[in-house]
PDB file of all heavy atoms in Angstrom:
ATOM      1  N   LYS A   1      10.690  -0.193   0.387  1.00  0.00           N
ATOM      2  CA  LYS A   1      11.670   0.867   0.619  1.00  0.00           C
ATOM      3  C   LYS A   1      11.074   1.839   1.617  1.00  0.00           C
ATOM      4  O   LYS A   1       9.852   1.914   1.786  1.00  0.00           O
ATOM      5  CB  LYS A   1      12.063   1.576  -0.680  1.00  0.00           C
ATOM      6  CG  LYS A   1      10.921   2.257  -1.407  1.00  0.00           C
ATOM      7  CD  LYS A   1      11.424   2.907  -2.694  1.00  0.00           C
ATOM      8  CE  LYS A   1      10.273   3.601  -3.446  1.00  0.00           C
ATOM      9  NZ  LYS A   1      10.761   4.246  -4.691  1.00  0.00           N
ATOM     10  N   SER A   2      11.928   2.585   2.289  1.00  0.00           N
ATOM     11  CA  SER A   2      11.438   3.530   3.289  1.00  0.00           C
ATOM     12  C   SER A   2      12.265   4.808   3.252  1.00  0.00           C
ATOM     13  O   SER A   2      13.406   4.822   2.773  1.00  0.00           O
ATOM     14  CB  SER A   2      11.473   2.907   4.682  1.00  0.00           C
ATOM     15  OG  SER A   2      12.812   2.677   5.087  1.00  0.00           O
ATOM     16  N   LYS A   3      11.664   5.866   3.787  1.00  0.00           N
ATOM     17  CA  LYS A   3      12.331   7.160   3.828  1.00  0.00           C
ATOM     18  C   LYS A   3      11.991   7.848   5.143  1.00  0.00           C
ATOM     19  O   LYS A   3      10.829   7.930   5.531  1.00  0.00           O
ATOM     20  CB  LYS A   3      11.893   8.028   2.647  1.00  0.00           C
ATOM     21  CG  LYS A   3      12.611   9.365   2.554  1.00  0.00           C
ATOM     22  CD  LYS A   3      12.167  10.137   1.318  1.00  0.00           C
ATOM     23  CE  LYS A   3      12.916  11.469   1.212  1.00  0.00           C
ATOM     24  NZ  LYS A   3      12.493  12.233  -0.002  1.00  0.00           N
ATOM     25  N   ILE A   4      13.011   8.351   5.826  1.00  0.00           N
ATOM     26  CA  ILE A   4      12.843   9.048   7.102  1.00  0.00           C
ATOM     27  C   ILE A   4      12.867  10.560   6.855  1.00  0.00           C
ATOM     28  O   ILE A   4      13.667  11.054   6.066  1.00  0.00           O
ATOM     29  CB  ILE A   4      13.962   8.670   8.088  1.00  0.00           C
ATOM     30  CG1 ILE A   4      13.950   7.166   8.377  1.00  0.00           C
ATOM     31  CG2 ILE A   4      13.824   9.447   9.394  1.00  0.00           C
ATOM     32  CD1 ILE A   4      15.152   6.691   9.168  1.00  0.00           C
ATOM     33  N   LYS A   5      12.005  11.276   7.563  1.00  0.00           N
ATOM     34  CA  LYS A   5      11.979  12.734   7.454  1.00  0.00           C
ATOM     35  C   LYS A   5      11.637  13.348   8.801  1.00  0.00           C
ATOM     36  O   LYS A   5      10.739  12.884   9.498  1.00  0.00           O
ATOM     37  CB  LYS A   5      10.952  13.181   6.402  1.00  0.00           C
ATOM     38  CG  LYS A   5      10.974  14.677   6.123  1.00  0.00           C
ATOM     39  CD  LYS A   5      10.003  15.043   5.011  1.00  0.00           C
ATOM     40  CE  LYS A   5      10.059  16.548   4.723  1.00  0.00           C
ATOM     41  NZ  LYS A   5       9.112  16.918   3.637  1.00  0.00           N
ATOM     42  N   LEU A   6      12.391  14.390   9.153  1.00  0.00           N
ATOM     43  CA  LEU A   6      12.098  15.138  10.377  1.00  0.00           C
ATOM     44  C   LEU A   6      11.030  16.178  10.058  1.00  0.00           C
ATOM     45  O   LEU A   6      11.164  16.961   9.119  1.00  0.00           O
ATOM     46  CB  LEU A   6      13.358  15.829  10.896  1.00  0.00           C
ATOM     47  CG  LEU A   6      13.217  16.653  12.175  1.00  0.00           C
ATOM     48  CD1 LEU A   6      12.854  15.748  13.351  1.00  0.00           C
ATOM     49  CD2 LEU A   6      14.513  17.408  12.475  1.00  0.00           C
ATOM     50  N   VAL A   7       9.938  16.168  10.839  1.00  0.00           N
ATOM     51  CA  VAL A   7       8.793  17.036  10.562  1.00  0.00           C
ATOM     52  C   VAL A   7       8.750  18.187  11.569  1.00  0.00           C
ATOM     53  O   VAL A   7       8.721  17.946  12.787  1.00  0.00           O
ATOM     54  CB  VAL A   7       7.477  16.234  10.629  1.00  0.00           C
ATOM     55  CG1 VAL A   7       6.297  17.142  10.308  1.00  0.00           C
ATOM     56  CG2 VAL A   7       7.520  15.048   9.682  1.00  0.00           C
ATOM     57  N   PRO A   8       8.744  19.436  11.096  1.00  0.00           N
ATOM     58  CA  PRO A   8       8.627  20.583  12.018  1.00  0.00           C
ATOM     59  C   PRO A   8       7.281  20.568  12.740  1.00  0.00           C
ATOM     60  O   PRO A   8       6.254  20.246  12.150  1.00  0.00           O
ATOM     61  CB  PRO A   8       8.732  21.798  11.081  1.00  0.00           C
ATOM     62  CG  PRO A   8       9.338  21.277   9.820  1.00  0.00           C
ATOM     63  CD  PRO A   8       8.874  19.860   9.696  1.00  0.00           C
ATOM     64  N   THR A   9       7.298  20.921  14.020  1.00  0.00           N
ATOM     65  CA  THR A   9       6.056  20.975  14.801  1.00  0.00           C
ATOM     66  C   THR A   9       5.988  22.286  15.574  1.00  0.00           C
ATOM     67  O   THR A   9       7.016  22.878  15.923  1.00  0.00           O
ATOM     68  CB  THR A   9       5.967  19.796  15.795  1.00  0.00           C
ATOM     69  OG1 THR A   9       7.100  19.839  16.663  1.00  0.00           O
ATOM     70  CG2 THR A   9       5.924  18.472  15.063  1.00  0.00           C
ATOM     71  N   ALA A  10       4.761  22.718  15.870  1.00  0.00           N
ATOM     72  CA  ALA A  10       4.559  23.990  16.571  1.00  0.00           C
ATOM     73  C   ALA A  10       5.039  23.931  18.018  1.00  0.00           C
ATOM     74  O   ALA A  10       5.533  24.915  18.570  1.00  0.00           O
ATOM     75  CB  ALA A  10       3.080  24.369  16.522  1.00  0.00           C
ATOM     76  N   ASN A  11       4.908  22.773  18.646  1.00  0.00           N
ATOM     77  CA  ASN A  11       5.272  22.657  20.066  1.00  0.00           C
ATOM     78  C   ASN A  11       6.728  22.240  20.289  1.00  0.00           C
ATOM     79  O   ASN A  11       7.157  22.042  21.422  1.00  0.00           O
ATOM     80  CB  ASN A  11       4.340  21.671  20.765  1.00  0.00           C
ATOM     81  CG  ASN A  11       4.442  20.274  20.159  1.00  0.00           C
ATOM     82  OD1 ASN A  11       5.236  20.028  19.261  1.00  0.00           O
ATOM     83  ND2 ASN A  11       3.614  19.369  20.659  1.00  0.00           N
ATOM     84  N   GLY A  12       7.485  22.082  19.216  1.00  0.00           N
ATOM     85  CA  GLY A  12       8.893  21.731  19.351  1.00  0.00           C
ATOM     86  C   GLY A  12       9.154  20.255  19.584  1.00  0.00           C
ATOM     87  O   GLY A  12      10.301  19.833  19.756  1.00  0.00           O
ATOM     88  N   GLN A  13       8.109  19.434  19.597  1.00  0.00           N
ATOM     89  CA  GLN A  13       8.253  17.984  19.780  1.00  0.00           C
ATOM     90  C   GLN A  13       9.018  17.400  18.594  1.00  0.00           C
ATOM     91  O   GLN A  13       8.669  17.612  17.444  1.00  0.00           O
ATOM     92  CB  GLN A  13       6.876  17.335  19.865  1.00  0.00           C
ATOM     93  CG  GLN A  13       6.856  15.816  19.739  1.00  0.00           C
ATOM     94  CD  GLN A  13       7.312  15.121  21.005  1.00  0.00           C
ATOM     95  OE1 GLN A  13       6.930  15.496  22.095  1.00  0.00           O
ATOM     96  NE2 GLN A  13       8.131  14.102  20.847  1.00  0.00           N
ATOM     97  N   LEU A  14      10.083  16.689  18.886  1.00  0.00           N
ATOM     98  CA  LEU A  14      10.872  16.063  17.831  1.00  0.00           C
ATOM     99  C   LEU A  14      10.030  14.965  17.189  1.00  0.00           C
ATOM    100  O   LEU A  14       9.701  13.961  17.827  1.00  0.00           O
ATOM    101  CB  LEU A  14      12.158  15.485  18.420  1.00  0.00           C
ATOM    102  CG  LEU A  14      13.315  15.211  17.448  1.00  0.00           C
ATOM    103  CD1 LEU A  14      13.754  16.507  16.764  1.00  0.00           C
ATOM    104  CD2 LEU A  14      14.482  14.570  18.171  1.00  0.00           C
ATOM    105  N   THR A  15       9.670  15.164  15.926  1.00  0.00           N
ATOM    106  CA  THR A  15       8.736  14.259  15.252  1.00  0.00           C
ATOM    107  C   THR A  15       9.311  13.778  13.933  1.00  0.00           C
ATOM    108  O   THR A  15       9.796  14.574  13.121  1.00  0.00           O
ATOM    109  CB  THR A  15       7.391  14.963  14.999  1.00  0.00           C
ATOM    110  OG1 THR A  15       6.866  15.428  16.245  1.00  0.00           O
ATOM    111  CG2 THR A  15       6.396  14.009  14.351  1.00  0.00           C
ATOM    112  N   PHE A  16       9.255  12.466  13.742  1.00  0.00           N
ATOM    113  CA  PHE A  16       9.730  11.857  12.500  1.00  0.00           C
ATOM    114  C   PHE A  16       8.560  11.219  11.761  1.00  0.00           C
ATOM    115  O   PHE A  16       7.619  10.718  12.378  1.00  0.00           O
ATOM    116  CB  PHE A  16      10.773  10.770  12.787  1.00  0.00           C
ATOM    117  CG  PHE A  16      12.049  11.272  13.388  1.00  0.00           C
ATOM    118  CD1 PHE A  16      12.188  11.371  14.766  1.00  0.00           C
ATOM    119  CD2 PHE A  16      13.115  11.641  12.585  1.00  0.00           C
ATOM    120  CE1 PHE A  16      13.363  11.826  15.337  1.00  0.00           C
ATOM    121  CE2 PHE A  16      14.299  12.097  13.143  1.00  0.00           C
ATOM    122  CZ  PHE A  16      14.419  12.194  14.518  1.00  0.00           C
ATOM    123  N   THR A  17       8.667  11.214  10.448  1.00  0.00           N
ATOM    124  CA  THR A  17       7.738  10.451   9.622  1.00  0.00           C
ATOM    125  C   THR A  17       8.540   9.429   8.830  1.00  0.00           C
ATOM    126  O   THR A  17       9.523   9.781   8.168  1.00  0.00           O
ATOM    127  CB  THR A  17       6.970  11.359   8.639  1.00  0.00           C
ATOM    128  OG1 THR A  17       6.129  12.245   9.383  1.00  0.00           O
ATOM    129  CG2 THR A  17       6.096  10.528   7.714  1.00  0.00           C
ATOM    130  N   ILE A  18       8.145   8.171   8.941  1.00  0.00           N
ATOM    131  CA  ILE A  18       8.771   7.115   8.136  1.00  0.00           C
ATOM    132  C   ILE A  18       7.758   6.705   7.071  1.00  0.00           C
ATOM    133  O   ILE A  18       6.690   6.165   7.384  1.00  0.00           O
ATOM    134  CB  ILE A  18       9.161   5.896   8.997  1.00  0.00           C
ATOM    135  CG1 ILE A  18      10.134   6.311  10.096  1.00  0.00           C
ATOM    136  CG2 ILE A  18       9.797   4.815   8.116  1.00  0.00           C
ATOM    137  CD1 ILE A  18      10.567   5.164  11.006  1.00  0.00           C
ATOM    138  N   THR A  19       8.076   7.000   5.829  1.00  0.00           N
ATOM    139  CA  THR A  19       7.210   6.642   4.712  1.00  0.00           C
ATOM    140  C   THR A  19       7.668   5.314   4.146  1.00  0.00           C
ATOM    141  O   THR A  19       8.828   5.162   3.739  1.00  0.00           O
ATOM    142  CB  THR A  19       7.253   7.723   3.617  1.00  0.00           C
ATOM    143  OG1 THR A  19       6.832   8.978   4.176  1.00  0.00           O
ATOM    144  CG2 THR A  19       6.336   7.358   2.464  1.00  0.00           C
ATOM    145  N   VAL A  20       6.777   4.357   4.150  1.00  0.00           N
ATOM    146  CA  VAL A  20       7.097   3.007   3.682  1.00  0.00           C
ATOM    147  C   VAL A  20       6.333   2.720   2.395  1.00  0.00           C
ATOM    148  O   VAL A  20       5.115   2.908   2.336  1.00  0.00           O
ATOM    149  CB  VAL A  20       6.731   1.948   4.749  1.00  0.00           C
ATOM    150  CG1 VAL A  20       6.973   0.543   4.214  1.00  0.00           C
ATOM    151  CG2 VAL A  20       7.523   2.187   6.026  1.00  0.00           C
ATOM    152  N   SER A  21       7.043   2.300   1.381  1.00  0.00           N
ATOM    153  CA  SER A  21       6.424   1.895   0.110  1.00  0.00           C
ATOM    154  C   SER A  21       6.660   0.406  -0.090  1.00  0.00           C
ATOM    155  O   SER A  21       7.804  -0.061  -0.049  1.00  0.00           O
ATOM    156  CB  SER A  21       7.031   2.685  -1.058  1.00  0.00           C
ATOM    157  OG  SER A  21       6.814   4.078  -0.880  1.00  0.00           O
ATOM    158  N   VAL A  22       5.574  -0.320  -0.279  1.00  0.00           N
ATOM    159  CA  VAL A  22       5.636  -1.777  -0.413  1.00  0.00           C
ATOM    160  C   VAL A  22       4.988  -2.210  -1.724  1.00  0.00           C
ATOM    161  O   VAL A  22       3.933  -1.694  -2.097  1.00  0.00           O
ATOM    162  CB  VAL A  22       4.916  -2.471   0.772  1.00  0.00           C
ATOM    163  CG1 VAL A  22       4.996  -3.986   0.631  1.00  0.00           C
ATOM    164  CG2 VAL A  22       5.526  -2.038   2.094  1.00  0.00           C
ATOM    165  N   GLU A  23       5.642  -3.124  -2.402  1.00  0.00           N
ATOM    166  CA  GLU A  23       5.098  -3.650  -3.662  1.00  0.00           C
ATOM    167  C   GLU A  23       4.913  -5.156  -3.546  1.00  0.00           C
ATOM    168  O   GLU A  23       5.777  -5.863  -3.029  1.00  0.00           O
ATOM    169  CB  GLU A  23       6.040  -3.336  -4.825  1.00  0.00           C
ATOM    170  CG  GLU A  23       5.512  -3.793  -6.181  1.00  0.00           C
ATOM    171  CD  GLU A  23       6.428  -3.430  -7.326  1.00  0.00           C
ATOM    172  OE1 GLU A  23       7.215  -2.465  -7.178  1.00  0.00           O
ATOM    173  OE2 GLU A  23       6.365  -4.107  -8.376  1.00  0.00           O
ATOM    174  N   GLY A  24       3.753  -5.646  -4.011  1.00  0.00           N
ATOM    175  CA  GLY A  24       3.502  -7.083  -3.951  1.00  0.00           C
ATOM    176  C   GLY A  24       2.259  -7.466  -4.715  1.00  0.00           C
ATOM    177  O   GLY A  24       1.724  -6.677  -5.498  1.00  0.00           O
ATOM    178  N   GLU A  25       1.796  -8.676  -4.489  1.00  0.00           N
ATOM    179  CA  GLU A  25       0.616  -9.173  -5.186  1.00  0.00           C
ATOM    180  C   GLU A  25      -0.305  -9.911  -4.223  1.00  0.00           C
ATOM    181  O   GLU A  25       0.144 -10.406  -3.186  1.00  0.00           O
ATOM    182  CB  GLU A  25       1.016 -10.085  -6.338  1.00  0.00           C
ATOM    183  CG  GLU A  25       1.797 -11.318  -5.921  1.00  0.00           C
ATOM    184  CD  GLU A  25       2.252 -12.160  -7.101  1.00  0.00           C
ATOM    185  OE1 GLU A  25       2.666 -11.580  -8.113  1.00  0.00           O
ATOM    186  OE2 GLU A  25       2.183 -13.403  -6.995  1.00  0.00           O
ATOM    187  N   ILE A  26      -1.588  -9.945  -4.562  1.00  0.00           N
ATOM    188  CA  ILE A  26      -2.580 -10.625  -3.735  1.00  0.00           C
ATOM    189  C   ILE A  26      -2.709 -12.083  -4.171  1.00  0.00           C
ATOM    190  O   ILE A  26      -2.820 -12.393  -5.344  1.00  0.00           O
ATOM    191  CB  ILE A  26      -3.960  -9.956  -3.845  1.00  0.00           C
ATOM    192  CG1 ILE A  26      -3.916  -8.536  -3.246  1.00  0.00           C
ATOM    193  CG2 ILE A  26      -5.035 -10.789  -3.156  1.00  0.00           C
ATOM    194  CD1 ILE A  26      -3.738  -8.503  -1.748  1.00  0.00           C
ATOM    195  N   GLN A  27      -2.671 -12.964  -3.168  1.00  0.00           N
ATOM    196  CA  GLN A  27      -2.950 -14.377  -3.404  1.00  0.00           C
ATOM    197  C   GLN A  27      -4.058 -14.780  -2.451  1.00  0.00           C
ATOM    198  O   GLN A  27      -4.116 -14.296  -1.323  1.00  0.00           O
ATOM    199  CB  GLN A  27      -1.700 -15.225  -3.160  1.00  0.00           C
ATOM    200  CG  GLN A  27      -0.555 -14.882  -4.091  1.00  0.00           C
ATOM    201  CD  GLN A  27       0.681 -15.718  -3.801  1.00  0.00           C
ATOM    202  OE1 GLN A  27       0.789 -16.349  -2.743  1.00  0.00           O
ATOM    203  NE2 GLN A  27       1.606 -15.726  -4.729  1.00  0.00           N
ATOM    204  N   GLU A  28      -4.960 -15.662  -2.890  1.00  0.00           N
ATOM    205  CA  GLU A  28      -6.104 -16.034  -2.055  1.00  0.00           C
ATOM    206  C   GLU A  28      -5.934 -17.415  -1.443  1.00  0.00           C
ATOM    207  O   GLU A  28      -5.314 -18.299  -2.007  1.00  0.00           O
ATOM    208  CB  GLU A  28      -7.403 -16.041  -2.856  1.00  0.00           C
ATOM    209  CG  GLU A  28      -7.746 -14.728  -3.519  1.00  0.00           C
ATOM    210  CD  GLU A  28      -7.310 -14.699  -4.967  1.00  0.00           C
ATOM    211  OE1 GLU A  28      -6.527 -15.577  -5.369  1.00  0.00           O
ATOM    212  OE2 GLU A  28      -7.753 -13.803  -5.685  1.00  0.00           O
ATOM    213  N   VAL A  29      -6.514 -17.542  -0.275  1.00  0.00           N
ATOM    214  CA  VAL A  29      -6.624 -18.837   0.384  1.00  0.00           C
ATOM    215  C   VAL A  29      -8.081 -18.996   0.802  1.00  0.00           C
ATOM    216  O   VAL A  29      -8.684 -18.083   1.361  1.00  0.00           O
ATOM    217  CB  VAL A  29      -5.713 -18.919   1.624  1.00  0.00           C
ATOM    218  CG1 VAL A  29      -5.902 -20.259   2.325  1.00  0.00           C
ATOM    219  CG2 VAL A  29      -4.265 -18.721   1.232  1.00  0.00           C
ATOM    220  N   ASN A  30      -8.675 -20.147   0.532  1.00  0.00           N
ATOM    221  CA  ASN A  30     -10.083 -20.401   0.856  1.00  0.00           C
ATOM    222  C   ASN A  30     -11.029 -19.412   0.171  1.00  0.00           C
ATOM    223  O   ASN A  30     -12.081 -19.060   0.694  1.00  0.00           O
ATOM    224  CB  ASN A  30     -10.322 -20.337   2.375  1.00  0.00           C
ATOM    225  CG  ASN A  30      -9.545 -21.417   3.098  1.00  0.00           C
ATOM    226  OD1 ASN A  30      -9.320 -22.496   2.555  1.00  0.00           O
ATOM    227  ND2 ASN A  30      -9.136 -21.131   4.315  1.00  0.00           N
TER     228      ASN A  30
END
């Protein structure tokens, strides 16, 4: 799942943060 957020900046640069949450499991090879 992901979430977008507009982040305030001092220089006025339009900045976004995309937070990604991933769920899974580890499987081994070799």
